[in-house]
Amino acid sequence: VSPRRRMLNVSRSVWKQANVASDLWEKLTARCVDRHRHMERTLERLLQIQAAMEELAVALEQAEGVRDAWEPVGDLFIDSLQDHIDATK
């Protein structure tokens, strides 16, 4: 095989490999973009969940405060029992 022919073969081989690498690079960047979008959506959902959990924590704290303010049943007068039941509801 002549040197010129060998050079053409090597050139074709490099060109083919460059095309394959270019295709793979495009696929990789597309997957990275998709993964980035997915992560952004996931982060958005996590932030929404965190906000909801913070609201629930405040509501729970308020409910526990109300519960802690209840008088023990044994300390209630029988005449005011219905008032306490209504207030509890």
PDB file of N, CA and C in Angstrom:
ATOM      1  N   VAL A   1       0.855  -1.175   0.000  1.00  0.00           N
ATOM      2  CA  VAL A   1       0.000   0.000   0.000  1.00  0.00           C
ATOM      3  C   VAL A   1       0.900   1.236   0.000  1.00  0.00           C
ATOM      4  N   SER A   2       0.544   2.149  -0.881  1.00  0.00           N
ATOM      5  CA  SER A   2       1.360   3.362  -1.007  1.00  0.00           C
ATOM      6  C   SER A   2       1.139   4.271   0.200  1.00  0.00           C
ATOM      7  N   PRO A   3       2.098   5.149   0.486  1.00  0.00           N
ATOM      8  CA  PRO A   3       1.941   6.077   1.608  1.00  0.00           C
ATOM      9  C   PRO A   3       0.712   6.979   1.444  1.00  0.00           C
ATOM     10  N   ARG A   4       0.454   7.366   0.220  1.00  0.00           N
ATOM     11  CA  ARG A   4      -0.720   8.229  -0.024  1.00  0.00           C
ATOM     12  C   ARG A   4      -2.005   7.467   0.302  1.00  0.00           C
ATOM     13  N   ARG A   5      -2.073   6.212  -0.104  1.00  0.00           N
ATOM     14  CA  ARG A   5      -3.252   5.382   0.158  1.00  0.00           C
ATOM     15  C   ARG A   5      -3.417   5.157   1.663  1.00  0.00           C
ATOM     16  N   ARG A   6      -2.297   4.902   2.323  1.00  0.00           N
ATOM     17  CA  ARG A   6      -2.326   4.710   3.777  1.00  0.00           C
ATOM     18  C   ARG A   6      -2.833   5.973   4.465  1.00  0.00           C
ATOM     19  N   MET A   7      -2.374   7.137   3.985  1.00  0.00           N
ATOM     20  CA  MET A   7      -2.804   8.407   4.563  1.00  0.00           C
ATOM     21  C   MET A   7      -4.308   8.615   4.346  1.00  0.00           C
ATOM     22  N   LEU A   8      -4.829   8.263   3.186  1.00  0.00           N
ATOM     23  CA  LEU A   8      -6.267   8.379   2.916  1.00  0.00           C
ATOM     24  C   LEU A   8      -7.077   7.453   3.829  1.00  0.00           C
ATOM     25  N   ASN A   9      -6.573   6.233   4.035  1.00  0.00           N
ATOM     26  CA  ASN A   9      -7.261   5.283   4.917  1.00  0.00           C
ATOM     27  C   ASN A   9      -7.299   5.799   6.357  1.00  0.00           C
ATOM     28  N   VAL A  10      -6.173   6.310   6.806  1.00  0.00           N
ATOM     29  CA  VAL A  10      -6.110   6.864   8.164  1.00  0.00           C
ATOM     30  C   VAL A  10      -7.039   8.069   8.267  1.00  0.00           C
ATOM     31  N   SER A  11      -7.044   8.898   7.245  1.00  0.00           N
ATOM     32  CA  SER A  11      -7.894  10.092   7.231  1.00  0.00           C
ATOM     33  C   SER A  11      -9.376   9.700   7.306  1.00  0.00           C
ATOM     34  N   ARG A  12      -9.768   8.699   6.525  1.00  0.00           N
ATOM     35  CA  ARG A  12     -11.158   8.219   6.564  1.00  0.00           C
ATOM     36  C   ARG A  12     -11.506   7.654   7.941  1.00  0.00           C
ATOM     37  N   SER A  13     -10.601   6.897   8.492  1.00  0.00           N
ATOM     38  CA  SER A  13     -10.828   6.309   9.812  1.00  0.00           C
ATOM     39  C   SER A  13     -10.999   7.395  10.869  1.00  0.00           C
ATOM     40  N   VAL A  14     -10.143   8.394  10.838  1.00  0.00           N
ATOM     41  CA  VAL A  14     -10.247   9.501  11.802  1.00  0.00           C
ATOM     42  C   VAL A  14     -11.556  10.248  11.592  1.00  0.00           C
ATOM     43  N   TRP A  15     -11.932  10.457  10.342  1.00  0.00           N
ATOM     44  CA  TRP A  15     -13.182  11.166  10.037  1.00  0.00           C
ATOM     45  C   TRP A  15     -14.386  10.393  10.577  1.00  0.00           C
ATOM     46  N   LYS A  16     -14.413   9.072  10.376  1.00  0.00           N
ATOM     47  CA  LYS A  16     -15.502   8.234  10.893  1.00  0.00           C
ATOM     48  C   LYS A  16     -15.559   8.302  12.417  1.00  0.00           C
ATOM     49  N   GLN A  17     -14.409   8.195  13.059  1.00  0.00           N
ATOM     50  CA  GLN A  17     -14.370   8.250  14.522  1.00  0.00           C
ATOM     51  C   GLN A  17     -14.816   9.618  15.031  1.00  0.00           C
ATOM     52  N   ALA A  18     -14.462  10.676  14.306  1.00  0.00           N
ATOM     53  CA  ALA A  18     -14.889  12.024  14.693  1.00  0.00           C
ATOM     54  C   ALA A  18     -16.399  12.150  14.578  1.00  0.00           C
ATOM     55  N   ASN A  19     -16.988  11.550  13.530  1.00  0.00           N
ATOM     56  CA  ASN A  19     -18.442  11.580  13.377  1.00  0.00           C
ATOM     57  C   ASN A  19     -19.135  10.807  14.498  1.00  0.00           C
ATOM     58  N   VAL A  20     -18.590   9.644  14.823  1.00  0.00           N
ATOM     59  CA  VAL A  20     -19.154   8.855  15.927  1.00  0.00           C
ATOM     60  C   VAL A  20     -19.052   9.641  17.229  1.00  0.00           C
ATOM     61  N   ALA A  21     -17.899  10.239  17.487  1.00  0.00           N
ATOM     62  CA  ALA A  21     -17.712  11.030  18.711  1.00  0.00           C
ATOM     63  C   ALA A  21     -18.672  12.218  18.729  1.00  0.00           C
ATOM     64  N   SER A  22     -18.883  12.849  17.585  1.00  0.00           N
ATOM     65  CA  SER A  22     -19.802  13.985  17.500  1.00  0.00           C
ATOM     66  C   SER A  22     -21.232  13.548  17.811  1.00  0.00           C
ATOM     67  N   ASP A  23     -21.651  12.418  17.256  1.00  0.00           N
ATOM     68  CA  ASP A  23     -22.998  11.897  17.542  1.00  0.00           C
ATOM     69  C   ASP A  23     -23.164  11.562  19.021  1.00  0.00           C
ATOM     70  N   LEU A  24     -22.160  10.911  19.572  1.00  0.00           N
ATOM     71  CA  LEU A  24     -22.222  10.566  20.994  1.00  0.00           C
ATOM     72  C   LEU A  24     -22.259  11.823  21.863  1.00  0.00           C
ATOM     73  N   TRP A  25     -21.506  12.833  21.477  1.00  0.00           N
ATOM     74  CA  TRP A  25     -21.487  14.083  22.242  1.00  0.00           C
ATOM     75  C   TRP A  25     -22.863  14.750  22.211  1.00  0.00           C
ATOM     76  N   GLU A  26     -23.507  14.759  21.040  1.00  0.00           N
ATOM     77  CA  GLU A  26     -24.855  15.344  20.931  1.00  0.00           C
ATOM     78  C   GLU A  26     -25.844  14.595  21.809  1.00  0.00           C
ATOM     79  N   LYS A  27     -25.764  13.267  21.798  1.00  0.00           N
ATOM     80  CA  LYS A  27     -26.659  12.466  22.635  1.00  0.00           C
ATOM     81  C   LYS A  27     -26.406  12.751  24.117  1.00  0.00           C
ATOM     82  N   LEU A  28     -25.145  12.857  24.485  1.00  0.00           N
ATOM     83  CA  LEU A  28     -24.797  13.133  25.881  1.00  0.00           C
ATOM     84  C   LEU A  28     -25.315  14.496  26.325  1.00  0.00           C
ATOM     85  N   THR A  29     -25.122  15.506  25.500  1.00  0.00           N
ATOM     86  CA  THR A  29     -25.599  16.844  25.887  1.00  0.00           C
ATOM     87  C   THR A  29     -27.121  16.871  25.978  1.00  0.00           C
ATOM     88  N   ALA A  30     -27.815  16.159  25.084  1.00  0.00           N
ATOM     89  CA  ALA A  30     -29.279  16.094  25.151  1.00  0.00           C
ATOM     90  C   ALA A  30     -29.720  15.416  26.447  1.00  0.00           C
ATOM     91  N   ARG A  31     -29.043  14.339  26.822  1.00  0.00           N
ATOM     92  CA  ARG A  31     -29.379  13.650  28.079  1.00  0.00           C
ATOM     93  C   ARG A  31     -29.101  14.540  29.285  1.00  0.00           C
ATOM     94  N   CYS A  32     -28.016  15.303  29.219  1.00  0.00           N
ATOM     95  CA  CYS A  32     -27.687  16.218  30.320  1.00  0.00           C
ATOM     96  C   CYS A  32     -28.757  17.295  30.472  1.00  0.00           C
ATOM     97  N   VAL A  33     -29.230  17.814  29.349  1.00  0.00           N
ATOM     98  CA  VAL A  33     -30.294  18.826  29.390  1.00  0.00           C
ATOM     99  C   VAL A  33     -31.562  18.217  29.989  1.00  0.00           C
ATOM    100  N   ASP A  34     -31.918  17.008  29.555  1.00  0.00           N
ATOM    101  CA  ASP A  34     -33.100  16.333  30.106  1.00  0.00           C
ATOM    102  C   ASP A  34     -32.948  16.086  31.603  1.00  0.00           C
ATOM    103  N   ARG A  35     -31.773  15.643  32.015  1.00  0.00           N
ATOM    104  CA  ARG A  35     -31.525  15.366  33.430  1.00  0.00           C
ATOM    105  C   ARG A  35     -31.596  16.654  34.244  1.00  0.00           C
ATOM    106  N   HIS A  36     -31.073  17.734  33.690  1.00  0.00           N
ATOM    107  CA  HIS A  36     -31.104  19.028  34.374  1.00  0.00           C
ATOM    108  C   HIS A  36     -32.547  19.494  34.559  1.00  0.00           C
ATOM    109  N   ARG A  37     -33.346  19.360  33.521  1.00  0.00           N
ATOM    110  CA  ARG A  37     -34.772  19.730  33.636  1.00  0.00           C
ATOM    111  C   ARG A  37     -35.469  18.891  34.699  1.00  0.00           C
ATOM    112  N   HIS A  38     -35.181  17.599  34.688  1.00  0.00           N
ATOM    113  CA  HIS A  38     -35.787  16.702  35.682  1.00  0.00           C
ATOM    114  C   HIS A  38     -35.384  17.127  37.098  1.00  0.00           C
ATOM    115  N   MET A  39     -34.126  17.460  37.285  1.00  0.00           N
ATOM    116  CA  MET A  39     -33.649  17.873  38.610  1.00  0.00           C
ATOM    117  C   MET A  39     -34.299  19.197  39.030  1.00  0.00           C
ATOM    118  N   GLU A  40     -34.484  20.113  38.090  1.00  0.00           N
ATOM    119  CA  GLU A  40     -35.148  21.372  38.417  1.00  0.00           C
ATOM    120  C   GLU A  40     -36.587  21.132  38.850  1.00  0.00           C
ATOM    121  N   ARG A  41     -37.307  20.251  38.129  1.00  0.00           N
ATOM    122  CA  ARG A  41     -38.691  19.931  38.516  1.00  0.00           C
ATOM    123  C   ARG A  41     -38.720  19.260  39.888  1.00  0.00           C
ATOM    124  N   THR A  42     -37.778  18.365  40.129  1.00  0.00           N
ATOM    125  CA  THR A  42     -37.717  17.673  41.414  1.00  0.00           C
ATOM    126  C   THR A  42     -37.438  18.668  42.543  1.00  0.00           C
ATOM    127  N   LEU A  43     -36.521  19.591  42.316  1.00  0.00           N
ATOM    128  CA  LEU A  43     -36.217  20.601  43.328  1.00  0.00           C
ATOM    129  C   LEU A  43     -37.446  21.465  43.608  1.00  0.00           C
ATOM    130  N   GLU A  44     -38.164  21.823  42.554  1.00  0.00           N
ATOM    131  CA  GLU A  44     -39.375  22.619  42.716  1.00  0.00           C
ATOM    132  C   GLU A  44     -40.384  21.887  43.599  1.00  0.00           C
ATOM    133  N   ARG A  45     -40.572  20.604  43.317  1.00  0.00           N
ATOM    134  CA  ARG A  45     -41.514  19.802  44.117  1.00  0.00           C
ATOM    135  C   ARG A  45     -41.041  19.676  45.567  1.00  0.00           C
ATOM    136  N   LEU A  46     -39.754  19.474  45.744  1.00  0.00           N
ATOM    137  CA  LEU A  46     -39.223  19.365  47.107  1.00  0.00           C
ATOM    138  C   LEU A  46     -39.427  20.663  47.894  1.00  0.00           C
ATOM    139  N   LEU A  47     -39.248  21.795  47.233  1.00  0.00           N
ATOM    140  CA  LEU A  47     -39.471  23.076  47.897  1.00  0.00           C
ATOM    141  C   LEU A  47     -40.940  23.256  48.265  1.00  0.00           C
ATOM    142  N   GLN A  48     -41.830  22.784  47.399  1.00  0.00           N
ATOM    143  CA  GLN A  48     -43.264  22.842  47.714  1.00  0.00           C
ATOM    144  C   GLN A  48     -43.585  21.948  48.911  1.00  0.00           C
ATOM    145  N   ILE A  49     -42.998  20.766  48.931  1.00  0.00           N
ATOM    146  CA  ILE A  49     -43.219  19.849  50.052  1.00  0.00           C
ATOM    147  C   ILE A  49     -42.673  20.453  51.337  1.00  0.00           C
ATOM    148  N   GLN A  50     -41.502  21.076  51.250  1.00  0.00           N
ATOM    149  CA  GLN A  50     -40.916  21.696  52.434  1.00  0.00           C
ATOM    150  C   GLN A  50     -41.815  22.805  52.965  1.00  0.00           C
ATOM    151  N   ALA A  51     -42.357  23.629  52.079  1.00  0.00           N
ATOM    152  CA  ALA A  51     -43.256  24.702  52.501  1.00  0.00           C
ATOM    153  C   ALA A  51     -44.512  24.128  53.151  1.00  0.00           C
ATOM    154  N   ALA A  52     -45.054  23.055  52.565  1.00  0.00           N
ATOM    155  CA  ALA A  52     -46.241  22.413  53.138  1.00  0.00           C
ATOM    156  C   ALA A  52     -45.931  21.828  54.510  1.00  0.00           C
ATOM    157  N   MET A  53     -44.746  21.243  54.664  1.00  0.00           N
ATOM    158  CA  MET A  53     -44.368  20.678  55.959  1.00  0.00           C
ATOM    159  C   MET A  53     -44.204  21.767  57.007  1.00  0.00           C
ATOM    160  N   GLU A  54     -43.671  22.900  56.611  1.00  0.00           N
ATOM    161  CA  GLU A  54     -43.534  24.017  57.552  1.00  0.00           C
ATOM    162  C   GLU A  54     -44.903  24.520  57.993  1.00  0.00           C
ATOM    163  N   GLU A  55     -45.854  24.602  57.044  1.00  0.00           N
ATOM    164  CA  GLU A  55     -47.217  24.995  57.402  1.00  0.00           C
ATOM    165  C   GLU A  55     -47.841  23.982  58.353  1.00  0.00           C
ATOM    166  N   LEU A  56     -47.636  22.715  58.083  1.00  0.00           N
ATOM    167  CA  LEU A  56     -48.173  21.669  58.960  1.00  0.00           C
ATOM    168  C   LEU A  56     -47.541  21.727  60.347  1.00  0.00           C
ATOM    169  N   ALA A  57     -46.262  22.028  60.420  1.00  0.00           N
ATOM    170  CA  ALA A  57     -45.591  22.126  61.711  1.00  0.00           C
ATOM    171  C   ALA A  57     -46.191  23.259  62.542  1.00  0.00           C
ATOM    172  N   VAL A  58     -46.480  24.391  61.886  1.00  0.00           N
ATOM    173  CA  VAL A  58     -47.103  25.518  62.586  1.00  0.00           C
ATOM    174  C   VAL A  58     -48.494  25.121  63.068  1.00  0.00           C
ATOM    175  N   ALA A  59     -49.269  24.476  62.193  1.00  0.00           N
ATOM    176  CA  ALA A  59     -50.624  24.051  62.569  1.00  0.00           C
ATOM    177  C   ALA A  59     -50.580  23.049  63.714  1.00  0.00           C
ATOM    178  N   LEU A  60     -49.630  22.118  63.669  1.00  0.00           N
ATOM    179  CA  LEU A  60     -49.497  21.129  64.738  1.00  0.00           C
ATOM    180  C   LEU A  60     -49.117  21.800  66.052  1.00  0.00           C
ATOM    181  N   GLU A  61     -48.209  22.750  65.985  1.00  0.00           N
ATOM    182  CA  GLU A  61     -47.807  23.467  67.192  1.00  0.00           C
ATOM    183  C   GLU A  61     -48.999  24.212  67.808  1.00  0.00           C
ATOM    184  N   GLN A  62     -49.811  24.826  66.956  1.00  0.00           N
ATOM    185  CA  GLN A  62     -51.000  25.521  67.450  1.00  0.00           C
ATOM    186  C   GLN A  62     -51.983  24.539  68.074  1.00  0.00           C
ATOM    187  N   ALA A  63     -52.184  23.396  67.424  1.00  0.00           N
ATOM    188  CA  ALA A  63     -53.099  22.385  67.949  1.00  0.00           C
ATOM    189  C   ALA A  63     -52.598  21.839  69.283  1.00  0.00           C
ATOM    190  N   GLU A  64     -51.293  21.628  69.389  1.00  0.00           N
ATOM    191  CA  GLU A  64     -50.745  21.141  70.658  1.00  0.00           C
ATOM    192  C   GLU A  64     -50.895  22.190  71.746  1.00  0.00           C
ATOM    193  N   GLY A  65     -50.780  23.473  71.374  1.00  0.00           N
ATOM    194  CA  GLY A  65     -50.987  24.545  72.351  1.00  0.00           C
ATOM    195  C   GLY A  65     -52.411  24.555  72.869  1.00  0.00           C
ATOM    196  N   VAL A  66     -53.362  24.353  71.973  1.00  0.00           N
ATOM    197  CA  VAL A  66     -54.776  24.287  72.382  1.00  0.00           C
ATOM    198  C   VAL A  66     -54.994  23.081  73.280  1.00  0.00           C
ATOM    199  N   ARG A  67     -54.432  21.941  72.889  1.00  0.00           N
ATOM    200  CA  ARG A  67     -54.591  20.723  73.690  1.00  0.00           C
ATOM    201  C   ARG A  67     -53.982  20.889  75.078  1.00  0.00           C
ATOM    202  N   ASP A  68     -52.821  21.535  75.142  1.00  0.00           N
ATOM    203  CA  ASP A  68     -52.166  21.724  76.433  1.00  0.00           C
ATOM    204  C   ASP A  68     -52.963  22.650  77.351  1.00  0.00           C
ATOM    205  N   ALA A  69     -53.802  23.498  76.741  1.00  0.00           N
ATOM    206  CA  ALA A  69     -54.610  24.423  77.546  1.00  0.00           C
ATOM    207  C   ALA A  69     -55.865  23.756  78.116  1.00  0.00           C
ATOM    208  N   TRP A  70     -56.188  22.554  77.667  1.00  0.00           N
ATOM    209  CA  TRP A  70     -57.367  21.864  78.177  1.00  0.00           C
ATOM    210  C   TRP A  70     -57.177  21.532  79.658  1.00  0.00           C
ATOM    211  N   GLU A  71     -58.231  21.643  80.364  1.00  0.00           N
ATOM    212  CA  GLU A  71     -58.203  21.242  81.774  1.00  0.00           C
ATOM    213  C   GLU A  71     -58.441  19.738  81.861  1.00  0.00           C
ATOM    214  N   PRO A  72     -57.806  19.078  82.799  1.00  0.00           N
ATOM    215  CA  PRO A  72     -58.064  17.645  82.967  1.00  0.00           C
ATOM    216  C   PRO A  72     -59.537  17.398  83.274  1.00  0.00           C
ATOM    217  N   VAL A  73     -60.078  16.341  82.732  1.00  0.00           N
ATOM    218  CA  VAL A  73     -61.505  16.041  82.891  1.00  0.00           C
ATOM    219  C   VAL A  73     -61.867  15.916  84.361  1.00  0.00           C
ATOM    220  N   GLY A  74     -60.972  15.373  85.147  1.00  0.00           N
ATOM    221  CA  GLY A  74     -61.264  15.194  86.568  1.00  0.00           C
ATOM    222  C   GLY A  74     -61.408  16.516  87.312  1.00  0.00           C
ATOM    223  N   ASP A  75     -60.812  17.599  86.751  1.00  0.00           N
ATOM    224  CA  ASP A  75     -60.885  18.896  87.424  1.00  0.00           C
ATOM    225  C   ASP A  75     -62.102  19.723  87.008  1.00  0.00           C
ATOM    226  N   LEU A  76     -62.885  19.233  86.057  1.00  0.00           N
ATOM    227  CA  LEU A  76     -64.020  20.000  85.545  1.00  0.00           C
ATOM    228  C   LEU A  76     -65.248  19.789  86.421  1.00  0.00           C
ATOM    229  N   PHE A  77     -66.029  20.845  86.520  1.00  0.00           N
ATOM    230  CA  PHE A  77     -67.323  20.736  87.203  1.00  0.00           C
ATOM    231  C   PHE A  77     -68.317  20.111  86.242  1.00  0.00           C
ATOM    232  N   ILE A  78     -69.168  19.281  86.749  1.00  0.00           N
ATOM    233  CA  ILE A  78     -70.135  18.573  85.911  1.00  0.00           C
ATOM    234  C   ILE A  78     -71.047  19.552  85.183  1.00  0.00           C
ATOM    235  N   ASP A  79     -71.336  20.717  85.813  1.00  0.00           N
ATOM    236  CA  ASP A  79     -72.236  21.696  85.186  1.00  0.00           C
ATOM    237  C   ASP A  79     -71.588  22.351  83.962  1.00  0.00           C
ATOM    238  N   SER A  80     -70.277  22.446  83.948  1.00  0.00           N
ATOM    239  CA  SER A  80     -69.601  23.115  82.826  1.00  0.00           C
ATOM    240  C   SER A  80     -69.027  22.125  81.815  1.00  0.00           C
ATOM    241  N   LEU A  81     -69.315  20.854  81.996  1.00  0.00           N
ATOM    242  CA  LEU A  81     -68.760  19.825  81.128  1.00  0.00           C
ATOM    243  C   LEU A  81     -69.162  20.025  79.664  1.00  0.00           C
ATOM    244  N   GLN A  82     -70.440  20.335  79.423  1.00  0.00           N
ATOM    245  CA  GLN A  82     -70.892  20.525  78.041  1.00  0.00           C
ATOM    246  C   GLN A  82     -70.203  21.730  77.401  1.00  0.00           C
ATOM    247  N   ASP A  83     -69.982  22.792  78.176  1.00  0.00           N
ATOM    248  CA  ASP A  83     -69.274  23.963  77.637  1.00  0.00           C
ATOM    249  C   ASP A  83     -67.852  23.593  77.218  1.00  0.00           C
ATOM    250  N   HIS A  84     -67.186  22.797  78.016  1.00  0.00           N
ATOM    251  CA  HIS A  84     -65.833  22.365  77.676  1.00  0.00           C
ATOM    252  C   HIS A  84     -65.815  21.448  76.463  1.00  0.00           C
ATOM    253  N   ILE A  85     -66.811  20.587  76.347  1.00  0.00           N
ATOM    254  CA  ILE A  85     -66.906  19.716  75.180  1.00  0.00           C
ATOM    255  C   ILE A  85     -67.110  20.565  73.923  1.00  0.00           C
ATOM    256  N   ASP A  86     -67.989  21.548  73.991  1.00  0.00           N
ATOM    257  CA  ASP A  86     -68.225  22.426  72.838  1.00  0.00           C
ATOM    258  C   ASP A  86     -66.964  23.219  72.474  1.00  0.00           C
ATOM    259  N   ALA A  87     -66.263  23.717  73.476  1.00  0.00           N
ATOM    260  CA  ALA A  87     -65.041  24.482  73.236  1.00  0.00           C
ATOM    261  C   ALA A  87     -63.970  23.592  72.604  1.00  0.00           C
ATOM    262  N   THR A  88     -63.917  22.353  73.035  1.00  0.00           N
ATOM    263  CA  THR A  88     -62.931  21.411  72.501  1.00  0.00           C
ATOM    264  C   THR A  88     -63.213  21.099  71.026  1.00  0.00           C
ATOM    265  N   LYS A  89     -64.489  20.949  70.718  1.00  0.00           N
ATOM    266  CA  LYS A  89     -64.857  20.689  69.319  1.00  0.00           C
ATOM    267  C   LYS A  89     -64.475  21.856  68.456  1.00  0.00           C
TER     268      LYS A  89
END
